[in-house]
Amino acid sequence: MGRNDASWMDEEDERAEQQVETGKRPNAEAPQLVRKEAKAPTRSTKGFYIQEKYAMAFDKLVFSQKQVKGKKAPELAEEAIKTLLKKYGEDTKGL
């Protein structure tokens, strides 16, 4: 029946390492997982403090946009920052 020793685990580990090195799959006809590139641009966190009433209003806006499958929180925040930059005469061409 089955083997009682752990040598089969070592054999399987070795076989898996060889497959990774060669890139050869044991079943070439089997579907292969294809990873898609990230759609959204990379973002960084900016820490700033806002009043609770503004945070609540923003959260309500995010929720309402989620209900209609609109923009997400990072996109809404970027839009708000771009509006501020335009208001104060900053260059927004590269954004």
C-alpha atoms as a PDB file:
ATOM      1  CA  MET A   1       0.000   0.000   0.000  1.00  0.00           C
ATOM      2  CA  GLY A   2       1.475   3.340   1.036  1.00  0.00           C
ATOM      3  CA  ARG A   3       5.017   3.966   2.112  1.00  0.00           C
ATOM      4  CA  ASN A   4       5.526   4.523   5.813  1.00  0.00           C
ATOM      5  CA  ASP A   5       8.806   6.391   5.533  1.00  0.00           C
ATOM      6  CA  ALA A   6       9.148  10.070   4.650  1.00  0.00           C
ATOM      7  CA  SER A   7      11.492   9.498   1.696  1.00  0.00           C
ATOM      8  CA  TRP A   8       8.637   9.974  -0.764  1.00  0.00           C
ATOM      9  CA  MET A   9       8.319  13.559   0.464  1.00  0.00           C
ATOM     10  CA  ASP A  10      11.969  14.162  -0.327  1.00  0.00           C
ATOM     11  CA  GLU A  11      11.477  12.638  -3.785  1.00  0.00           C
ATOM     12  CA  GLU A  12       8.478  14.851  -4.475  1.00  0.00           C
ATOM     13  CA  ASP A  13      10.331  17.924  -3.260  1.00  0.00           C
ATOM     14  CA  GLU A  14      13.260  17.135  -5.551  1.00  0.00           C
ATOM     15  CA  ARG A  15      10.909  16.543  -8.497  1.00  0.00           C
ATOM     16  CA  ALA A  16       9.173  19.870  -7.853  1.00  0.00           C
ATOM     17  CA  GLU A  17      12.485  21.726  -7.694  1.00  0.00           C
ATOM     18  CA  GLN A  18      13.572  20.183 -11.000  1.00  0.00           C
ATOM     19  CA  GLN A  19      10.299  21.253 -12.630  1.00  0.00           C
ATOM     20  CA  VAL A  20      10.789  24.821 -11.423  1.00  0.00           C
ATOM     21  CA  GLU A  21      14.347  24.908 -12.770  1.00  0.00           C
ATOM     22  CA  THR A  22      13.432  23.520 -16.191  1.00  0.00           C
ATOM     23  CA  GLY A  23      10.040  25.194 -16.468  1.00  0.00           C
ATOM     24  CA  LYS A  24       8.606  21.966 -17.856  1.00  0.00           C
ATOM     25  CA  ARG A  25       5.144  20.976 -16.718  1.00  0.00           C
ATOM     26  CA  PRO A  26       4.231  17.315 -16.224  1.00  0.00           C
ATOM     27  CA  ASN A  27       0.957  17.785 -18.102  1.00  0.00           C
ATOM     28  CA  ALA A  28       1.468  20.241 -20.951  1.00  0.00           C
ATOM     29  CA  GLU A  29      -2.208  20.116 -21.993  1.00  0.00           C
ATOM     30  CA  ALA A  30      -3.444  21.210 -18.566  1.00  0.00           C
ATOM     31  CA  PRO A  31      -4.581  24.833 -18.320  1.00  0.00           C
ATOM     32  CA  GLN A  32      -1.978  27.134 -16.856  1.00  0.00           C
ATOM     33  CA  LEU A  33      -2.669  30.031 -14.523  1.00  0.00           C
ATOM     34  CA  VAL A  34      -2.003  33.319 -16.289  1.00  0.00           C
ATOM     35  CA  ARG A  35      -1.339  36.270 -14.015  1.00  0.00           C
ATOM     36  CA  LYS A  36      -2.709  39.586 -15.219  1.00  0.00           C
ATOM     37  CA  GLU A  37      -0.921  42.846 -14.782  1.00  0.00           C
ATOM     38  CA  ALA A  38      -2.307  45.183 -12.154  1.00  0.00           C
ATOM     39  CA  LYS A  39      -4.860  47.596 -13.624  1.00  0.00           C
ATOM     40  CA  ALA A  40      -4.526  50.349 -11.052  1.00  0.00           C
ATOM     41  CA  PRO A  41      -1.374  52.437 -10.808  1.00  0.00           C
ATOM     42  CA  THR A  42       0.843  52.042  -7.766  1.00  0.00           C
ATOM     43  CA  ARG A  43      -0.162  54.306  -4.922  1.00  0.00           C
ATOM     44  CA  SER A  44       1.496  55.567  -1.757  1.00  0.00           C
ATOM     45  CA  THR A  45      -0.016  56.457   1.585  1.00  0.00           C
ATOM     46  CA  LYS A  46      -0.013  60.085   2.646  1.00  0.00           C
ATOM     47  CA  GLY A  47      -0.734  60.679   6.278  1.00  0.00           C
ATOM     48  CA  PHE A  48      -2.770  63.727   7.132  1.00  0.00           C
ATOM     49  CA  TYR A  49      -5.437  64.507   9.660  1.00  0.00           C
ATOM     50  CA  ILE A  50      -8.916  65.765   8.805  1.00  0.00           C
ATOM     51  CA  GLN A  51     -11.906  66.631  10.904  1.00  0.00           C
ATOM     52  CA  GLU A  52     -14.346  63.845  11.683  1.00  0.00           C
ATOM     53  CA  LYS A  53     -17.172  65.502   9.724  1.00  0.00           C
ATOM     54  CA  TYR A  54     -15.040  65.525   6.548  1.00  0.00           C
ATOM     55  CA  ALA A  55     -14.033  61.901   7.067  1.00  0.00           C
ATOM     56  CA  MET A  56     -17.671  60.880   7.495  1.00  0.00           C
ATOM     57  CA  ALA A  57     -18.735  62.830   4.402  1.00  0.00           C
ATOM     58  CA  PHE A  58     -15.963  61.193   2.376  1.00  0.00           C
ATOM     59  CA  ASP A  59     -16.948  57.742   3.656  1.00  0.00           C
ATOM     60  CA  LYS A  60     -20.563  58.384   2.622  1.00  0.00           C
ATOM     61  CA  LEU A  61     -19.409  59.457  -0.833  1.00  0.00           C
ATOM     62  CA  VAL A  62     -17.265  56.330  -1.185  1.00  0.00           C
ATOM     63  CA  PHE A  63     -20.201  54.165  -0.108  1.00  0.00           C
ATOM     64  CA  SER A  64     -22.595  55.808  -2.572  1.00  0.00           C
ATOM     65  CA  GLN A  65     -20.060  55.361  -5.376  1.00  0.00           C
ATOM     66  CA  LYS A  66     -19.644  51.721  -4.395  1.00  0.00           C
ATOM     67  CA  GLN A  67     -23.405  51.213  -4.683  1.00  0.00           C
ATOM     68  CA  VAL A  68     -23.423  52.474  -8.279  1.00  0.00           C
ATOM     69  CA  LYS A  69     -20.114  50.742  -9.101  1.00  0.00           C
ATOM     70  CA  GLY A  70     -18.431  54.105  -9.553  1.00  0.00           C
ATOM     71  CA  LYS A  71     -15.012  55.298  -8.463  1.00  0.00           C
ATOM     72  CA  LYS A  72     -13.235  53.830  -5.450  1.00  0.00           C
ATOM     73  CA  ALA A  73     -11.783  55.751  -2.506  1.00  0.00           C
ATOM     74  CA  PRO A  74      -8.240  56.184  -3.902  1.00  0.00           C
ATOM     75  CA  GLU A  75      -9.585  57.482  -7.212  1.00  0.00           C
ATOM     76  CA  LEU A  76     -11.916  59.911  -5.427  1.00  0.00           C
ATOM     77  CA  ALA A  77      -9.088  61.174  -3.221  1.00  0.00           C
ATOM     78  CA  GLU A  78      -6.842  61.678  -6.264  1.00  0.00           C
ATOM     79  CA  GLU A  79      -9.630  63.598  -7.983  1.00  0.00           C
ATOM     80  CA  ALA A  80     -10.017  65.852  -4.927  1.00  0.00           C
ATOM     81  CA  ILE A  81      -6.268  66.502  -4.766  1.00  0.00           C
ATOM     82  CA  LYS A  82      -6.150  67.287  -8.493  1.00  0.00           C
ATOM     83  CA  THR A  83      -8.989  69.792  -8.016  1.00  0.00           C
ATOM     84  CA  LEU A  84      -7.033  71.464  -5.196  1.00  0.00           C
ATOM     85  CA  LEU A  85      -3.886  71.604  -7.292  1.00  0.00           C
ATOM     86  CA  LYS A  86      -5.773  73.283 -10.145  1.00  0.00           C
ATOM     87  CA  LYS A  87      -7.400  75.741  -7.726  1.00  0.00           C
ATOM     88  CA  TYR A  88      -4.015  76.865  -6.437  1.00  0.00           C
ATOM     89  CA  GLY A  89      -2.404  77.076  -9.868  1.00  0.00           C
ATOM     90  CA  GLU A  90      -0.208  73.986  -9.738  1.00  0.00           C
ATOM     91  CA  ASP A  91       0.716  72.035 -12.867  1.00  0.00           C
ATOM     92  CA  THR A  92      -1.509  68.969 -13.304  1.00  0.00           C
ATOM     93  CA  LYS A  93      -0.508  67.952 -16.848  1.00  0.00           C
ATOM     94  CA  GLY A  94       1.432  64.865 -15.759  1.00  0.00           C
ATOM     95  CA  LEU A  95      -1.311  63.571 -13.474  1.00  0.00           C
END
